Amino acid sequence: MSSRDTIGERSRTHGMSDTRLYRIWCGIKGRCSNENIEHYDRYGGRGIKVCEAWELSFEAFRDWSFSAGYDENKSGKEQSLDRIDANGDYSPENCRWADIKQQARNRTDTVYIKENGKEIPAREFAEKHNISNYVFVFRRIKKGDSAEKILKDWDMRHNTPEGFMTVTQAAKYYNVSEISILNWLKKNKITAKKYGQKWYIPKEQNDPAMQGGH
């Protein structure tokens, strides 16, 4: 009996030919080996393969799937097969059953950033550090900024750094109007740093009001 006959016989005896898991198994094999299947260019056309164990045996793929957390009660929108390395093969070492958020992080066009010596997706980096604006992180990475600089700039934009004041806080601190603070900034009577649209004024400096400058 040939290997093709063996596979055909197995597909008739495992009793799962009508299941979503079996269709997924057929799908990954097709995308990696059949040039006539849609999106072959993204898989087999790029050299991506299905490991030999899964290629020859649905049972091997099935057993791994259930041990890896596959839930037959979930739909494709709730859980799908994801390759951890988007350029790697379909194999137990490179696959997981992931939710949609995990899948989105691992698209081939995902932007990565290095933090603590490890590259992670930009969106995961943003979520990890409670950065609500993913585009801010994306643009900074494209600009070439490091993880440390991105975090510092985000913090400066959204949180008053220790030892600094906002314009409003400085007005209360010096007991003047906010317009006076802005005028002092224009006339360089006080030093400050600008991040985004915000000015941050160091607390430790001479009182401009004592210099006769309102």
Protein backbone atom coordinates (compact mmCIF):
# COMPACT_ATOMS: atom_id res chain seq x y z
CA MET A 1 0.00 0.00 0.00
CA SER A 2 1.39 3.42 -0.95
CA SER A 3 1.71 6.33 1.47
CA ARG A 4 -1.14 8.06 -0.39
CA ASP A 5 -3.38 5.02 0.16
CA THR A 6 -2.37 4.94 3.81
CA ILE A 7 -3.34 8.57 4.30
CA GLY A 8 -6.63 7.98 2.54
CA GLU A 9 -7.38 5.01 4.73
CA ARG A 10 -6.59 6.99 7.87
CA SER A 11 -8.88 9.81 6.82
CA ARG A 12 -11.69 7.31 6.57
CA THR A 13 -11.06 5.73 9.96
CA HIS A 14 -10.34 8.62 12.33
CA GLY A 15 -13.97 9.76 12.16
CA MET A 16 -13.18 13.47 11.97
CA SER A 17 -13.41 14.16 8.24
CA ASP A 18 -16.34 16.52 8.75
CA THR A 19 -14.73 18.54 11.54
CA ARG A 20 -13.20 22.01 11.42
CA LEU A 21 -9.89 20.62 12.66
CA TYR A 22 -9.66 18.23 9.70
CA ARG A 23 -10.46 21.05 7.27
CA ILE A 24 -7.71 23.15 8.84
CA TRP A 25 -5.25 20.28 8.40
CA CYS A 26 -6.21 19.95 4.74
CA GLY A 27 -5.96 23.71 4.35
CA ILE A 28 -2.41 24.10 5.67
CA LYS A 29 -1.20 21.21 3.52
CA GLY A 30 -2.87 22.67 0.45
CA ARG A 31 -1.46 26.18 0.95
CA CYS A 32 2.02 24.74 1.25
CA SER A 33 1.96 22.25 -1.61
CA ASN A 34 -0.74 23.08 -4.17
CA GLU A 35 0.17 25.91 -6.53
CA ASN A 36 -3.44 26.17 -7.68
CA ILE A 37 -4.77 27.06 -4.24
CA GLU A 38 -5.38 30.71 -3.33
CA HIS A 39 -2.59 32.29 -1.28
CA TYR A 40 -0.10 29.57 -2.20
CA ASP A 41 2.33 32.41 -2.93
CA ARG A 42 2.24 33.41 0.75
CA TYR A 43 3.02 29.90 1.96
CA GLY A 44 4.46 27.22 -0.29
CA GLY A 45 5.58 29.92 -2.68
CA ARG A 46 7.75 31.36 0.11
CA GLY A 47 9.19 27.98 1.04
CA ILE A 48 6.91 27.34 4.01
CA LYS A 49 6.24 23.64 4.56
CA VAL A 50 4.22 21.33 6.79
CA CYS A 51 6.41 19.13 8.98
CA GLU A 52 6.62 15.48 7.93
CA ALA A 53 4.69 14.16 10.93
CA TRP A 54 1.69 16.38 10.19
CA GLU A 55 1.99 15.99 6.44
CA LEU A 56 1.62 12.21 6.72
CA SER A 57 -0.77 11.94 9.64
CA PHE A 58 -3.90 13.84 10.58
CA GLU A 59 -3.86 11.97 13.90
CA ALA A 60 -0.46 13.48 14.73
CA PHE A 61 -1.82 16.97 14.01
CA ARG A 62 -5.02 16.21 15.93
CA ASP A 63 -3.21 14.89 19.00
CA TRP A 64 -0.86 17.88 19.10
CA SER A 65 -3.80 20.28 18.66
CA PHE A 66 -5.72 18.99 21.65
CA SER A 67 -2.58 18.91 23.80
CA ALA A 68 -1.85 22.51 22.72
CA GLY A 69 -5.24 23.83 23.82
CA TYR A 70 -7.42 23.43 20.73
CA ASP A 71 -11.08 23.89 21.68
CA GLU A 72 -13.50 22.25 19.26
CA ASN A 73 -16.32 24.37 20.69
CA LYS A 74 -14.72 27.62 19.52
CA SER A 75 -15.21 29.11 16.08
CA GLY A 76 -12.50 30.26 13.72
CA LYS A 77 -13.07 33.84 14.90
CA GLU A 78 -12.37 32.81 18.47
CA GLN A 79 -9.35 30.55 17.93
CA SER A 80 -7.14 29.74 14.97
CA LEU A 81 -3.83 28.09 14.12
CA ASP A 82 -0.96 30.56 14.32
CA ARG A 83 2.70 30.21 13.33
CA ILE A 84 4.85 31.89 16.00
CA ASP A 85 7.52 32.70 13.41
CA ALA A 86 5.55 33.98 10.43
CA ASN A 87 8.37 32.84 8.15
CA GLY A 88 8.63 29.37 9.69
CA ASP A 89 7.02 26.03 8.89
CA TYR A 90 3.87 24.42 10.26
CA SER A 91 5.26 22.26 13.06
CA PRO A 92 4.65 21.65 16.77
CA GLU A 93 7.62 23.86 17.64
CA ASN A 94 6.36 26.81 15.59
CA CYS A 95 2.59 26.66 16.03
CA ARG A 96 0.01 27.50 18.65
CA TRP A 97 -3.74 27.84 18.90
CA ALA A 98 -4.24 31.58 19.25
CA ASP A 99 -7.04 34.09 19.58
CA ILE A 100 -7.49 36.86 17.01
CA LYS A 101 -5.41 39.39 18.95
CA GLN A 102 -2.42 37.04 19.02
CA GLN A 103 -2.87 36.35 15.30
CA ALA A 104 -2.90 40.06 14.48
CA ARG A 105 0.34 40.59 16.35
CA ASN A 106 2.03 37.96 14.27
CA ARG A 107 1.20 39.08 10.73
CA THR A 108 4.13 39.23 8.32
CA ASP A 109 3.83 43.04 8.27
CA THR A 110 4.04 43.35 12.07
CA VAL A 111 6.57 45.93 13.25
CA TYR A 112 8.94 44.78 15.98
CA ILE A 113 10.93 46.66 18.63
CA LYS A 114 13.80 45.42 20.76
CA GLU A 115 13.39 45.65 24.53
CA ASN A 116 15.74 44.02 27.03
CA GLY A 117 17.46 42.20 24.19
CA LYS A 118 14.24 40.64 22.87
CA GLU A 119 12.22 41.66 19.83
CA ILE A 120 8.48 41.96 20.45
CA PRO A 121 5.60 43.23 18.26
CA ALA A 122 5.00 46.96 18.54
CA ARG A 123 1.37 46.50 19.54
CA GLU A 124 2.37 44.13 22.34
CA PHE A 125 4.97 46.68 23.48
CA ALA A 126 2.30 49.40 23.55
CA GLU A 127 -0.14 47.26 25.54
CA LYS A 128 2.58 46.16 27.97
CA HIS A 129 3.39 49.78 28.84
CA ASN A 130 -0.22 51.09 28.74
CA ILE A 131 0.43 53.24 25.68
CA SER A 132 -3.04 53.84 24.27
CA ASN A 133 -1.84 55.25 20.93
CA TYR A 134 -0.34 52.42 18.87
CA VAL A 135 0.37 54.80 15.97
CA PHE A 136 2.67 56.81 18.26
CA VAL A 137 4.76 53.68 18.89
CA PHE A 138 4.65 52.62 15.23
CA ARG A 139 5.90 55.99 13.98
CA ARG A 140 8.64 56.18 16.59
CA ILE A 141 9.91 52.72 15.65
CA LYS A 142 9.92 53.68 11.97
CA LYS A 143 11.86 56.80 12.95
CA GLY A 144 14.48 54.60 14.61
CA ASP A 145 13.79 55.48 18.25
CA SER A 146 14.75 52.96 20.93
CA ALA A 147 12.27 51.43 23.38
CA GLU A 148 13.74 53.57 26.15
CA LYS A 149 13.26 56.81 24.20
CA ILE A 150 9.71 55.92 23.18
CA LEU A 151 8.75 55.24 26.80
CA LYS A 152 10.40 58.44 28.01
CA ASP A 153 8.71 60.59 25.36
CA TRP A 154 5.32 59.02 26.00
CA ASP A 155 5.70 59.60 29.72
CA MET A 156 6.72 63.21 29.15
CA ARG A 157 3.70 63.77 26.90
CA HIS A 158 1.17 62.32 29.31
CA ASN A 159 2.64 62.54 32.81
CA THR A 160 4.35 65.46 34.48
CA PRO A 161 7.94 64.30 35.13
CA GLU A 162 9.30 64.50 38.66
CA GLY A 163 10.83 67.91 39.33
CA PHE A 164 8.83 69.60 36.55
CA MET A 165 5.59 71.58 36.34
CA THR A 166 2.99 72.15 33.66
CA VAL A 167 2.16 75.73 32.64
CA THR A 168 -0.91 75.64 34.88
CA GLN A 169 1.09 74.31 37.82
CA ALA A 170 3.84 76.88 37.23
CA ALA A 171 1.29 79.72 37.24
CA LYS A 172 0.11 78.63 40.68
CA TYR A 173 3.68 78.06 41.85
CA TYR A 174 4.78 81.59 40.89
CA ASN A 175 1.36 83.11 41.67
CA VAL A 176 0.96 84.62 38.20
CA SER A 177 -1.30 83.99 35.21
CA GLU A 178 -0.69 81.27 32.65
CA ILE A 179 -0.19 84.04 30.06
CA SER A 180 2.68 85.37 32.17
CA ILE A 181 4.29 81.92 32.18
CA LEU A 182 3.99 81.69 28.39
CA ASN A 183 5.47 85.19 28.02
CA TRP A 184 8.39 84.18 30.24
CA LEU A 185 8.94 81.19 27.99
CA LYS A 186 8.97 83.37 24.88
CA LYS A 187 11.43 85.78 26.48
CA ASN A 188 13.59 82.91 27.80
CA LYS A 189 13.12 84.18 31.35
CA ILE A 190 12.58 80.57 32.45
CA THR A 191 13.93 77.33 31.06
CA ALA A 192 11.57 74.59 29.93
CA LYS A 193 11.28 71.48 27.79
CA LYS A 194 8.57 70.91 25.24
CA TYR A 195 7.15 67.46 24.52
CA GLY A 196 4.40 67.32 21.95
CA GLN A 197 2.26 70.39 22.64
CA LYS A 198 3.16 70.61 26.32
CA TRP A 199 5.76 72.69 28.13
CA TYR A 200 7.37 71.30 31.27
CA ILE A 201 9.09 73.78 33.56
CA PRO A 202 11.78 72.74 36.09
CA LYS A 203 10.95 73.76 39.64
CA GLU A 204 14.54 74.51 40.57
CA GLN A 205 15.28 77.86 38.93
CA ASN A 206 15.24 81.54 39.82
CA ASP A 207 11.85 83.17 40.18
CA PRO A 208 11.37 85.31 37.02
CA ALA A 209 9.04 87.60 38.97
CA MET A 210 12.00 88.64 41.09
CA GLN A 211 13.69 89.80 37.89
CA GLY A 212 10.87 92.24 37.19
CA GLY A 213 9.43 90.13 34.39
CA HIS A 214 5.69 89.55 34.34
